[in-house]
Amino acid sequence: MRIAAGWWVAVAAAVLSACGQPDRQEEAHALERAVTAMPGVEDVDVLYSNNFTQGSKLDIDVIATEADIAQVADIAARIEEIKDGHFDGYDQSATFVVADGVVLERHGTLEPDPIEDDTRAARNIADDIPGSEVFWTQHERDGHSTVRFENAPAAAALDAVRSYIPADDVLVTVRKFEGEPQWRVSMPLGEGEARTIRHSLAGSPLNTLAVSVTRGHVSGLTVAVEDEAHAAVHLEAVLALFEPTEDHPLMLEWKGTDRGADRKFSGSVHVAGCTYAPNLAESEPERFYTEEALALRDRLRAQYDTCE
């Protein structure tokens, strides 16, 4: 019984300490109190965890929509000063709401100068596109960042990123807006390149639901097929607009009209490429697609992809 009791005590200690990390609840509370008292801060929420299931995490949410840019940088500096040394080894993130609908999220350490620059950039974007929502996330570990737009036209969103955000390793997503497709763009993308893509999309015989752009070329398209009898002709006309190559392949997906059936008139072809998702829709396609859809898919793949 003593061995069993000792074993359970050891397990409980491991669960509570997250593999040896000391408890930092009081430091988390002190951080929240200190930031709350700073000029320009409207609200602060410090979420701290240090257990076996969630791991060691420190998430800080700050609302500072009325703060000036220097005050936002001061808030970041204060956070870094207080947490420095107390939360080493923790998965750290901070979210700053710097204007209505404008959110900066940072994973890793906080440096005042970059936060000041990013706040200025994010607010400029919001001013250029009134009514939009901007979510800008940066990861210190790999330098990768993402910017997501809601309620914004794609052309204006991409122009704003070009104007205010360094274009290295930035993934921009623009949600559907007033009939436009969703855009997913790995920057950089020049203004002329974007204009050419929009022109090509305007000439498509099929409604575009989503478009992905990589290295200045369309790498993915999702289109709606309403006329199944002429689907092949229309899909080939779409491909003719973009002329994919092995250096710049294109994943074309099409979705038929939803008729409430388990199997759909949908499909995909990786033009000038051979990368398909390893899922049941690929390994057991007869469960998901109609016979007509499979026949069209197989015909297009035989003609356009590079699989042997």
C-alpha atoms as a PDB file:
ATOM      1  CA  MET A   1       0.000   0.000   0.000  1.00  0.00           C
ATOM      2  CA  ARG A   2       2.859   2.398   0.729  1.00  0.00           C
ATOM      3  CA  ILE A   3       4.291   1.828  -2.734  1.00  0.00           C
ATOM      4  CA  ALA A   4       0.900   2.475  -4.339  1.00  0.00           C
ATOM      5  CA  ALA A   5       0.325   5.593  -2.276  1.00  0.00           C
ATOM      6  CA  GLY A   6       3.758   6.938  -3.096  1.00  0.00           C
ATOM      7  CA  TRP A   7       3.219   6.272  -6.793  1.00  0.00           C
ATOM      8  CA  TRP A   8      -0.036   8.249  -6.832  1.00  0.00           C
ATOM      9  CA  VAL A   9       1.579  11.141  -5.008  1.00  0.00           C
ATOM     10  CA  ALA A  10       4.367  11.215  -7.598  1.00  0.00           C
ATOM     11  CA  VAL A  11       1.864  11.204 -10.471  1.00  0.00           C
ATOM     12  CA  ALA A  12      -0.180  13.995  -8.890  1.00  0.00           C
ATOM     13  CA  ALA A  13       2.959  16.083  -8.415  1.00  0.00           C
ATOM     14  CA  ALA A  14       3.935  15.604 -12.062  1.00  0.00           C
ATOM     15  CA  VAL A  15       0.469  16.633 -13.220  1.00  0.00           C
ATOM     16  CA  LEU A  16       0.481  19.775 -11.118  1.00  0.00           C
ATOM     17  CA  SER A  17       4.023  20.833 -11.924  1.00  0.00           C
ATOM     18  CA  ALA A  18       3.994  20.180 -15.693  1.00  0.00           C
ATOM     19  CA  CYS A  19       7.172  18.153 -15.704  1.00  0.00           C
ATOM     20  CA  GLY A  20       9.041  20.203 -13.091  1.00  0.00           C
ATOM     21  CA  GLN A  21       7.940  23.779 -13.906  1.00  0.00           C
ATOM     22  CA  PRO A  22       7.382  25.765 -10.677  1.00  0.00           C
ATOM     23  CA  ASP A  23       4.010  27.304  -9.969  1.00  0.00           C
ATOM     24  CA  ARG A  24       3.802  30.860 -11.266  1.00  0.00           C
ATOM     25  CA  GLN A  25       0.218  31.771 -10.465  1.00  0.00           C
ATOM     26  CA  GLU A  26       1.168  34.673  -8.206  1.00  0.00           C
ATOM     27  CA  GLU A  27       3.548  36.064 -10.842  1.00  0.00           C
ATOM     28  CA  ALA A  28       0.737  35.847 -13.406  1.00  0.00           C
ATOM     29  CA  HIS A  29      -1.577  37.786 -11.089  1.00  0.00           C
ATOM     30  CA  ALA A  30       1.127  40.390 -10.474  1.00  0.00           C
ATOM     31  CA  LEU A  31       1.625  40.767 -14.226  1.00  0.00           C
ATOM     32  CA  GLU A  32      -2.092  41.343 -14.750  1.00  0.00           C
ATOM     33  CA  ARG A  33      -2.280  43.939 -11.962  1.00  0.00           C
ATOM     34  CA  ALA A  34       0.746  45.858 -13.220  1.00  0.00           C
ATOM     35  CA  VAL A  35      -0.418  46.031 -16.833  1.00  0.00           C
ATOM     36  CA  THR A  36      -3.950  46.982 -15.821  1.00  0.00           C
ATOM     37  CA  ALA A  37      -2.582  50.092 -14.132  1.00  0.00           C
ATOM     38  CA  MET A  38      -0.741  51.342 -17.226  1.00  0.00           C
ATOM     39  CA  PRO A  39      -1.914  54.331 -19.313  1.00  0.00           C
ATOM     40  CA  GLY A  40      -3.926  53.380 -22.382  1.00  0.00           C
ATOM     41  CA  VAL A  41      -4.947  49.962 -21.079  1.00  0.00           C
ATOM     42  CA  GLU A  42      -8.690  49.292 -21.141  1.00  0.00           C
ATOM     43  CA  ASP A  43      -8.653  45.651 -20.122  1.00  0.00           C
ATOM     44  CA  VAL A  44      -6.144  42.864 -19.450  1.00  0.00           C
ATOM     45  CA  ASP A  45      -6.582  39.134 -19.124  1.00  0.00           C
ATOM     46  CA  VAL A  46      -3.651  36.895 -18.203  1.00  0.00           C
ATOM     47  CA  LEU A  47      -4.314  33.217 -18.821  1.00  0.00           C
ATOM     48  CA  TYR A  48      -1.802  30.969 -17.127  1.00  0.00           C
ATOM     49  CA  SER A  49      -1.556  27.195 -17.135  1.00  0.00           C
ATOM     50  CA  ASN A  50       1.074  24.820 -15.809  1.00  0.00           C
ATOM     51  CA  ASN A  51      -0.240  21.282 -15.833  1.00  0.00           C
ATOM     52  CA  PHE A  52       0.166  17.942 -17.534  1.00  0.00           C
ATOM     53  CA  THR A  53      -2.785  18.284 -19.918  1.00  0.00           C
ATOM     54  CA  GLN A  54      -2.338  21.877 -21.130  1.00  0.00           C
ATOM     55  CA  GLY A  55       1.383  22.291 -20.617  1.00  0.00           C
ATOM     56  CA  SER A  56       3.144  25.480 -19.518  1.00  0.00           C
ATOM     57  CA  LYS A  57       1.444  28.419 -21.206  1.00  0.00           C
ATOM     58  CA  LEU A  58       1.169  32.141 -20.672  1.00  0.00           C
ATOM     59  CA  ASP A  59      -1.395  34.015 -22.772  1.00  0.00           C
ATOM     60  CA  ILE A  60      -1.843  37.753 -22.303  1.00  0.00           C
ATOM     61  CA  ASP A  61      -4.763  39.642 -23.855  1.00  0.00           C
ATOM     62  CA  VAL A  62      -4.634  43.444 -23.805  1.00  0.00           C
ATOM     63  CA  ILE A  63      -7.270  45.859 -25.087  1.00  0.00           C
ATOM     64  CA  ALA A  64      -5.722  49.252 -25.867  1.00  0.00           C
ATOM     65  CA  THR A  65      -7.805  50.753 -28.653  1.00  0.00           C
ATOM     66  CA  GLU A  66      -7.431  54.316 -27.360  1.00  0.00           C
ATOM     67  CA  ALA A  67      -3.739  54.113 -26.487  1.00  0.00           C
ATOM     68  CA  ASP A  68      -1.289  56.028 -28.607  1.00  0.00           C
ATOM     69  CA  ILE A  69       1.395  54.031 -30.391  1.00  0.00           C
ATOM     70  CA  ALA A  70       4.095  54.845 -27.840  1.00  0.00           C
ATOM     71  CA  GLN A  71       1.822  53.669 -25.041  1.00  0.00           C
ATOM     72  CA  VAL A  72       1.274  50.341 -26.795  1.00  0.00           C
ATOM     73  CA  ALA A  73       5.049  49.906 -27.025  1.00  0.00           C
ATOM     74  CA  ASP A  74       5.367  50.774 -23.321  1.00  0.00           C
ATOM     75  CA  ILE A  75       2.777  48.127 -22.471  1.00  0.00           C
ATOM     76  CA  ALA A  76       4.761  45.528 -24.411  1.00  0.00           C
ATOM     77  CA  ALA A  77       7.982  46.568 -22.678  1.00  0.00           C
ATOM     78  CA  ARG A  78       6.368  46.338 -19.254  1.00  0.00           C
ATOM     79  CA  ILE A  79       4.995  42.886 -19.982  1.00  0.00           C
ATOM     80  CA  GLU A  80       8.407  41.690 -21.112  1.00  0.00           C
ATOM     81  CA  GLU A  81      10.087  43.220 -18.063  1.00  0.00           C
ATOM     82  CA  ILE A  82       7.743  41.572 -15.569  1.00  0.00           C
ATOM     83  CA  LYS A  83       7.606  38.142 -17.132  1.00  0.00           C
ATOM     84  CA  ASP A  84      11.331  37.973 -17.923  1.00  0.00           C
ATOM     85  CA  GLY A  85      12.921  35.161 -15.930  1.00  0.00           C
ATOM     86  CA  HIS A  86       9.642  33.935 -14.466  1.00  0.00           C
ATOM     87  CA  PHE A  87       8.218  32.192 -17.510  1.00  0.00           C
ATOM     88  CA  ASP A  88      11.260  30.763 -19.273  1.00  0.00           C
ATOM     89  CA  GLY A  89      10.298  27.590 -21.112  1.00  0.00           C
ATOM     90  CA  TYR A  90       6.636  28.573 -21.289  1.00  0.00           C
ATOM     91  CA  ASP A  91       4.687  28.798 -24.528  1.00  0.00           C
ATOM     92  CA  GLN A  92       4.124  32.564 -24.502  1.00  0.00           C
ATOM     93  CA  SER A  93       1.704  34.613 -26.564  1.00  0.00           C
ATOM     94  CA  ALA A  94       0.294  38.114 -26.337  1.00  0.00           C
ATOM     95  CA  THR A  95      -2.696  39.618 -28.106  1.00  0.00           C
ATOM     96  CA  PHE A  96      -3.106  43.380 -28.463  1.00  0.00           C
ATOM     97  CA  VAL A  97      -6.404  44.841 -29.647  1.00  0.00           C
ATOM     98  CA  VAL A  98      -5.053  48.161 -30.914  1.00  0.00           C
ATOM     99  CA  ALA A  99      -8.196  49.491 -32.635  1.00  0.00           C
ATOM    100  CA  ASP A 100     -11.741  48.329 -33.248  1.00  0.00           C
ATOM    101  CA  GLY A 101     -11.402  45.098 -35.197  1.00  0.00           C
ATOM    102  CA  VAL A 102      -7.586  45.281 -35.299  1.00  0.00           C
ATOM    103  CA  VAL A 103      -5.742  42.507 -33.455  1.00  0.00           C
ATOM    104  CA  LEU A 104      -1.997  41.884 -33.152  1.00  0.00           C
ATOM    105  CA  GLU A 105      -1.010  38.466 -31.865  1.00  0.00           C
ATOM    106  CA  ARG A 106       2.604  37.658 -30.993  1.00  0.00           C
ATOM    107  CA  HIS A 107       4.035  34.257 -30.089  1.00  0.00           C
ATOM    108  CA  GLY A 108       7.336  34.583 -28.248  1.00  0.00           C
ATOM    109  CA  THR A 109       9.077  37.561 -26.681  1.00  0.00           C
ATOM    110  CA  LEU A 110       7.863  41.133 -27.038  1.00  0.00           C
ATOM    111  CA  GLU A 111      10.137  43.919 -28.242  1.00  0.00           C
ATOM    112  CA  PRO A 112       8.783  47.491 -27.956  1.00  0.00           C
ATOM    113  CA  ASP A 113      10.114  48.838 -31.274  1.00  0.00           C
ATOM    114  CA  PRO A 114       8.562  46.098 -33.469  1.00  0.00           C
ATOM    115  CA  ILE A 115       5.293  46.369 -31.532  1.00  0.00           C
ATOM    116  CA  GLU A 116       5.273  50.117 -32.152  1.00  0.00           C
ATOM    117  CA  ASP A 117       5.935  49.624 -35.869  1.00  0.00           C
ATOM    118  CA  ASP A 118       3.319  46.879 -36.153  1.00  0.00           C
ATOM    119  CA  THR A 119       0.686  48.913 -34.303  1.00  0.00           C
ATOM    120  CA  ARG A 120       1.237  51.808 -36.681  1.00  0.00           C
ATOM    121  CA  ALA A 121       1.015  49.486 -39.693  1.00  0.00           C
ATOM    122  CA  ALA A 122      -2.133  47.745 -38.462  1.00  0.00           C
ATOM    123  CA  ARG A 123      -3.887  51.017 -37.720  1.00  0.00           C
ATOM    124  CA  ASN A 124      -2.925  52.391 -41.135  1.00  0.00           C
ATOM    125  CA  ILE A 125      -4.462  49.308 -42.745  1.00  0.00           C
ATOM    126  CA  ALA A 126      -7.653  49.789 -40.768  1.00  0.00           C
ATOM    127  CA  ASP A 127      -7.792  53.456 -41.788  1.00  0.00           C
ATOM    128  CA  ASP A 128      -7.348  52.513 -45.456  1.00  0.00           C
ATOM    129  CA  ILE A 129     -10.165  49.938 -45.311  1.00  0.00           C
ATOM    130  CA  PRO A 130     -12.873  51.280 -42.974  1.00  0.00           C
ATOM    131  CA  GLY A 131     -15.100  48.619 -41.459  1.00  0.00           C
ATOM    132  CA  SER A 132     -12.595  45.824 -42.035  1.00  0.00           C
ATOM    133  CA  GLU A 133     -11.241  43.493 -39.379  1.00  0.00           C
ATOM    134  CA  VAL A 134      -7.538  42.680 -39.326  1.00  0.00           C
ATOM    135  CA  PHE A 135      -5.914  39.777 -37.462  1.00  0.00           C
ATOM    136  CA  TRP A 136      -2.112  39.805 -37.691  1.00  0.00           C
ATOM    137  CA  THR A 137      -0.197  36.924 -36.097  1.00  0.00           C
ATOM    138  CA  GLN A 138       3.586  36.575 -35.863  1.00  0.00           C
ATOM    139  CA  HIS A 139       5.635  33.602 -34.662  1.00  0.00           C
ATOM    140  CA  GLU A 140       9.054  34.463 -33.289  1.00  0.00           C
ATOM    141  CA  ARG A 141      10.369  30.907 -33.666  1.00  0.00           C
ATOM    142  CA  ASP A 142      10.297  30.808 -37.463  1.00  0.00           C
ATOM    143  CA  GLY A 143       9.601  34.434 -38.352  1.00  0.00           C
ATOM    144  CA  HIS A 144       6.393  33.427 -40.155  1.00  0.00           C
ATOM    145  CA  SER A 145       3.375  35.718 -40.011  1.00  0.00           C
ATOM    146  CA  THR A 146      -0.220  35.585 -41.166  1.00  0.00           C
ATOM    147  CA  VAL A 147      -2.680  38.378 -41.816  1.00  0.00           C
ATOM    148  CA  ARG A 148      -6.391  37.634 -42.054  1.00  0.00           C
ATOM    149  CA  PHE A 149      -8.960  40.123 -43.316  1.00  0.00           C
ATOM    150  CA  GLU A 150     -12.689  40.126 -42.718  1.00  0.00           C
ATOM    151  CA  ASN A 151     -15.074  42.544 -44.443  1.00  0.00           C
ATOM    152  CA  ALA A 152     -12.481  43.733 -46.935  1.00  0.00           C
ATOM    153  CA  PRO A 153     -12.184  43.635 -50.736  1.00  0.00           C
ATOM    154  CA  ALA A 154      -9.221  41.517 -51.796  1.00  0.00           C
ATOM    155  CA  ALA A 155      -7.561  44.190 -53.932  1.00  0.00           C
ATOM    156  CA  ALA A 156      -7.609  46.732 -51.109  1.00  0.00           C
ATOM    157  CA  ALA A 157      -6.403  44.183 -48.553  1.00  0.00           C
ATOM    158  CA  LEU A 158      -3.418  43.127 -50.676  1.00  0.00           C
ATOM    159  CA  ASP A 159      -2.558  46.745 -51.474  1.00  0.00           C
ATOM    160  CA  ALA A 160      -2.569  47.520 -47.754  1.00  0.00           C
ATOM    161  CA  VAL A 161      -0.246  44.620 -46.951  1.00  0.00           C
ATOM    162  CA  ARG A 162       2.160  45.751 -49.673  1.00  0.00           C
ATOM    163  CA  SER A 163       2.128  49.281 -48.292  1.00  0.00           C
ATOM    164  CA  TYR A 164       2.558  48.592 -44.597  1.00  0.00           C
ATOM    165  CA  ILE A 165       3.833  45.053 -43.933  1.00  0.00           C
ATOM    166  CA  PRO A 166       7.187  43.603 -45.014  1.00  0.00           C
ATOM    167  CA  ALA A 167       6.355  41.071 -47.711  1.00  0.00           C
ATOM    168  CA  ASP A 168       8.766  38.296 -46.681  1.00  0.00           C
ATOM    169  CA  ASP A 169       7.053  35.098 -45.533  1.00  0.00           C
ATOM    170  CA  VAL A 170       3.605  36.599 -44.995  1.00  0.00           C
ATOM    171  CA  LEU A 171       0.482  34.554 -45.651  1.00  0.00           C
ATOM    172  CA  VAL A 172      -2.564  36.735 -46.364  1.00  0.00           C
ATOM    173  CA  THR A 173      -6.103  35.402 -46.200  1.00  0.00           C
ATOM    174  CA  VAL A 174      -9.031  37.525 -47.330  1.00  0.00           C
ATOM    175  CA  ARG A 175     -12.415  36.062 -46.552  1.00  0.00           C
ATOM    176  CA  LYS A 176     -15.277  36.190 -49.058  1.00  0.00           C
ATOM    177  CA  PHE A 177     -16.555  39.721 -49.512  1.00  0.00           C
ATOM    178  CA  GLU A 178     -19.599  40.852 -51.483  1.00  0.00           C
ATOM    179  CA  GLY A 179     -19.465  38.082 -54.072  1.00  0.00           C
ATOM    180  CA  GLU A 180     -15.678  37.910 -54.281  1.00  0.00           C
ATOM    181  CA  PRO A 181     -13.908  34.571 -53.718  1.00  0.00           C
ATOM    182  CA  GLN A 182     -11.762  33.897 -50.700  1.00  0.00           C
ATOM    183  CA  TRP A 183      -8.101  34.693 -51.346  1.00  0.00           C
ATOM    184  CA  ARG A 184      -5.088  32.942 -49.807  1.00  0.00           C
ATOM    185  CA  VAL A 185      -1.825  34.569 -50.888  1.00  0.00           C
ATOM    186  CA  SER A 186       1.768  33.792 -49.991  1.00  0.00           C
ATOM    187  CA  MET A 187       3.407  37.165 -50.330  1.00  0.00           C
ATOM    188  CA  PRO A 188       5.107  38.795 -52.090  1.00  0.00           C
ATOM    189  CA  LEU A 189       2.584  39.400 -54.856  1.00  0.00           C
ATOM    190  CA  GLY A 190       3.111  42.428 -57.051  1.00  0.00           C
ATOM    191  CA  GLU A 191       0.268  44.759 -57.920  1.00  0.00           C
ATOM    192  CA  GLY A 192       0.599  43.884 -61.609  1.00  0.00           C
ATOM    193  CA  GLU A 193       0.554  40.152 -60.872  1.00  0.00           C
ATOM    194  CA  ALA A 194      -2.553  40.545 -58.736  1.00  0.00           C
ATOM    195  CA  ARG A 195      -4.261  42.576 -61.456  1.00  0.00           C
ATOM    196  CA  THR A 196      -3.504  39.865 -64.032  1.00  0.00           C
ATOM    197  CA  ILE A 197      -4.983  37.186 -61.758  1.00  0.00           C
ATOM    198  CA  ARG A 198      -8.144  39.211 -61.157  1.00  0.00           C
ATOM    199  CA  HIS A 199      -8.490  39.739 -64.901  1.00  0.00           C
ATOM    200  CA  SER A 200      -8.199  35.994 -65.519  1.00  0.00           C
ATOM    201  CA  LEU A 201     -10.755  35.215 -62.826  1.00  0.00           C
ATOM    202  CA  ALA A 202     -13.165  37.685 -64.428  1.00  0.00           C
ATOM    203  CA  GLY A 203     -12.935  35.682 -67.663  1.00  0.00           C
ATOM    204  CA  SER A 204     -13.777  32.361 -66.035  1.00  0.00           C
ATOM    205  CA  PRO A 205     -17.002  30.655 -67.188  1.00  0.00           C
ATOM    206  CA  LEU A 206     -17.395  29.282 -63.647  1.00  0.00           C
ATOM    207  CA  ASN A 207     -17.956  31.138 -60.400  1.00  0.00           C
ATOM    208  CA  THR A 208     -14.750  31.120 -58.325  1.00  0.00           C
ATOM    209  CA  LEU A 209     -15.212  30.256 -54.640  1.00  0.00           C
ATOM    210  CA  ALA A 210     -11.564  30.416 -53.553  1.00  0.00           C
ATOM    211  CA  VAL A 211      -8.170  31.196 -55.052  1.00  0.00           C
ATOM    212  CA  SER A 212      -4.672  30.482 -53.715  1.00  0.00           C
ATOM    213  CA  VAL A 213      -1.555  32.244 -54.964  1.00  0.00           C
ATOM    214  CA  THR A 214       2.038  31.085 -54.449  1.00  0.00           C
ATOM    215  CA  ARG A 215       5.170  32.771 -55.832  1.00  0.00           C
ATOM    216  CA  GLY A 216       3.030  35.081 -57.917  1.00  0.00           C
ATOM    217  CA  HIS A 217       1.088  32.268 -59.623  1.00  0.00           C
ATOM    218  CA  VAL A 218      -2.325  30.770 -58.994  1.00  0.00           C
ATOM    219  CA  SER A 219      -1.670  27.476 -57.189  1.00  0.00           C
ATOM    220  CA  GLY A 220      -5.225  26.593 -56.226  1.00  0.00           C
ATOM    221  CA  LEU A 221      -8.752  27.261 -57.432  1.00  0.00           C
ATOM    222  CA  THR A 222     -12.133  26.148 -56.173  1.00  0.00           C
ATOM    223  CA  VAL A 223     -14.990  26.707 -58.609  1.00  0.00           C
ATOM    224  CA  ALA A 224     -18.718  26.037 -58.625  1.00  0.00           C
ATOM    225  CA  VAL A 225     -20.189  23.812 -61.349  1.00  0.00           C
ATOM    226  CA  GLU A 226     -23.900  24.341 -61.926  1.00  0.00           C
ATOM    227  CA  ASP A 227     -24.194  22.907 -65.444  1.00  0.00           C
ATOM    228  CA  GLU A 228     -22.958  19.325 -65.064  1.00  0.00           C
ATOM    229  CA  ALA A 229     -23.521  18.520 -68.723  1.00  0.00           C
ATOM    230  CA  HIS A 230     -20.921  21.105 -69.764  1.00  0.00           C
ATOM    231  CA  ALA A 231     -18.622  20.752 -66.765  1.00  0.00           C
ATOM    232  CA  ALA A 232     -15.681  19.360 -68.724  1.00  0.00           C
ATOM    233  CA  VAL A 233     -15.736  22.157 -71.288  1.00  0.00           C
ATOM    234  CA  HIS A 234     -16.001  24.816 -68.605  1.00  0.00           C
ATOM    235  CA  LEU A 235     -13.235  23.345 -66.436  1.00  0.00           C
ATOM    236  CA  GLU A 236     -10.868  23.135 -69.400  1.00  0.00           C
ATOM    237  CA  ALA A 237     -11.687  26.749 -70.228  1.00  0.00           C
ATOM    238  CA  VAL A 238     -10.705  27.713 -66.674  1.00  0.00           C
ATOM    239  CA  LEU A 239      -7.376  25.914 -67.017  1.00  0.00           C
ATOM    240  CA  ALA A 240      -6.679  27.715 -70.282  1.00  0.00           C
ATOM    241  CA  LEU A 241      -6.814  31.022 -68.400  1.00  0.00           C
ATOM    242  CA  PHE A 242      -3.858  30.141 -66.165  1.00  0.00           C
ATOM    243  CA  GLU A 243      -1.640  27.687 -68.106  1.00  0.00           C
ATOM    244  CA  PRO A 244      -0.028  25.847 -65.147  1.00  0.00           C
ATOM    245  CA  THR A 245       3.470  24.374 -65.465  1.00  0.00           C
ATOM    246  CA  GLU A 246       5.465  21.847 -63.449  1.00  0.00           C
ATOM    247  CA  ASP A 247       7.219  24.797 -61.802  1.00  0.00           C
ATOM    248  CA  HIS A 248       3.855  26.324 -60.993  1.00  0.00           C
ATOM    249  CA  PRO A 249       1.207  23.555 -60.773  1.00  0.00           C
ATOM    250  CA  LEU A 250      -2.433  24.290 -60.015  1.00  0.00           C
ATOM    251  CA  MET A 251      -4.860  22.321 -57.865  1.00  0.00           C
ATOM    252  CA  LEU A 252      -8.295  22.769 -59.440  1.00  0.00           C
ATOM    253  CA  GLU A 253     -11.278  21.692 -57.346  1.00  0.00           C
ATOM    254  CA  TRP A 254     -14.868  21.870 -58.431  1.00  0.00           C
ATOM    255  CA  LYS A 255     -18.074  21.615 -56.456  1.00  0.00           C
ATOM    256  CA  GLY A 256     -21.403  20.714 -58.011  1.00  0.00           C
ATOM    257  CA  THR A 257     -24.819  21.921 -56.980  1.00  0.00           C
ATOM    258  CA  ASP A 258     -25.748  20.474 -53.592  1.00  0.00           C
ATOM    259  CA  ARG A 259     -28.698  18.186 -54.160  1.00  0.00           C
ATOM    260  CA  GLY A 260     -28.698  16.710 -50.663  1.00  0.00           C
ATOM    261  CA  ALA A 261     -27.137  13.455 -51.855  1.00  0.00           C
ATOM    262  CA  ASP A 262     -24.411  11.602 -50.022  1.00  0.00           C
ATOM    263  CA  ARG A 263     -22.361  11.452 -53.201  1.00  0.00           C
ATOM    264  CA  LYS A 264     -21.549  14.734 -54.912  1.00  0.00           C
ATOM    265  CA  PHE A 265     -20.705  15.904 -58.401  1.00  0.00           C
ATOM    266  CA  SER A 266     -17.350  17.248 -57.222  1.00  0.00           C
ATOM    267  CA  GLY A 267     -13.700  16.480 -57.804  1.00  0.00           C
ATOM    268  CA  SER A 268     -10.162  17.751 -58.239  1.00  0.00           C
ATOM    269  CA  VAL A 269      -7.177  17.586 -60.553  1.00  0.00           C
ATOM    270  CA  HIS A 270      -3.620  18.693 -59.795  1.00  0.00           C
ATOM    271  CA  VAL A 271      -2.657  20.190 -63.129  1.00  0.00           C
ATOM    272  CA  ALA A 272       1.075  19.749 -63.904  1.00  0.00           C
ATOM    273  CA  GLY A 273       1.493  18.150 -60.479  1.00  0.00           C
ATOM    274  CA  CYS A 274       0.699  14.988 -58.551  1.00  0.00           C
ATOM    275  CA  THR A 275      -0.168  15.824 -54.949  1.00  0.00           C
ATOM    276  CA  TYR A 276      -3.505  14.659 -53.596  1.00  0.00           C
ATOM    277  CA  ALA A 277      -4.694  14.581 -50.001  1.00  0.00           C
ATOM    278  CA  PRO A 278      -4.261  11.172 -48.317  1.00  0.00           C
ATOM    279  CA  ASN A 279      -7.885  10.878 -47.207  1.00  0.00           C
ATOM    280  CA  LEU A 280     -10.879   8.620 -47.747  1.00  0.00           C
ATOM    281  CA  ALA A 281     -12.149  10.776 -50.604  1.00  0.00           C
ATOM    282  CA  GLU A 282      -9.015   9.718 -52.498  1.00  0.00           C
ATOM    283  CA  SER A 283      -8.711   6.115 -51.351  1.00  0.00           C
ATOM    284  CA  GLU A 284     -12.450   5.332 -51.530  1.00  0.00           C
ATOM    285  CA  PRO A 285     -13.860   7.966 -53.904  1.00  0.00           C
ATOM    286  CA  GLU A 286     -16.932   5.903 -54.817  1.00  0.00           C
ATOM    287  CA  ARG A 287     -18.280   6.602 -51.339  1.00  0.00           C
ATOM    288  CA  PHE A 288     -18.275  10.347 -51.908  1.00  0.00           C
ATOM    289  CA  TYR A 289     -18.705  11.097 -55.622  1.00  0.00           C
ATOM    290  CA  THR A 290     -21.212  10.178 -58.284  1.00  0.00           C
ATOM    291  CA  GLU A 291     -20.215   7.961 -61.191  1.00  0.00           C
ATOM    292  CA  GLU A 292     -20.344  10.957 -63.531  1.00  0.00           C
ATOM    293  CA  ALA A 293     -18.077  12.940 -61.210  1.00  0.00           C
ATOM    294  CA  LEU A 294     -15.547  10.122 -61.020  1.00  0.00           C
ATOM    295  CA  ALA A 295     -15.518   9.688 -64.778  1.00  0.00           C
ATOM    296  CA  LEU A 296     -14.837  13.402 -65.243  1.00  0.00           C
ATOM    297  CA  ARG A 297     -12.182  13.402 -62.551  1.00  0.00           C
ATOM    298  CA  ASP A 298     -10.367  10.408 -64.031  1.00  0.00           C
ATOM    299  CA  ARG A 299     -10.472  11.907 -67.511  1.00  0.00           C
ATOM    300  CA  LEU A 300      -9.027  15.229 -66.386  1.00  0.00           C
ATOM    301  CA  ARG A 301      -6.348  13.603 -64.239  1.00  0.00           C
ATOM    302  CA  ALA A 302      -5.258  11.357 -67.079  1.00  0.00           C
ATOM    303  CA  GLN A 303      -4.947  14.418 -69.284  1.00  0.00           C
ATOM    304  CA  TYR A 304      -3.504  17.037 -66.934  1.00  0.00           C
ATOM    305  CA  ASP A 305      -1.693  15.662 -63.867  1.00  0.00           C
ATOM    306  CA  THR A 306       1.789  14.128 -63.871  1.00  0.00           C
ATOM    307  CA  CYS A 307       0.964  10.960 -61.915  1.00  0.00           C
ATOM    308  CA  GLU A 308       1.975   7.693 -63.562  1.00  0.00           C
END
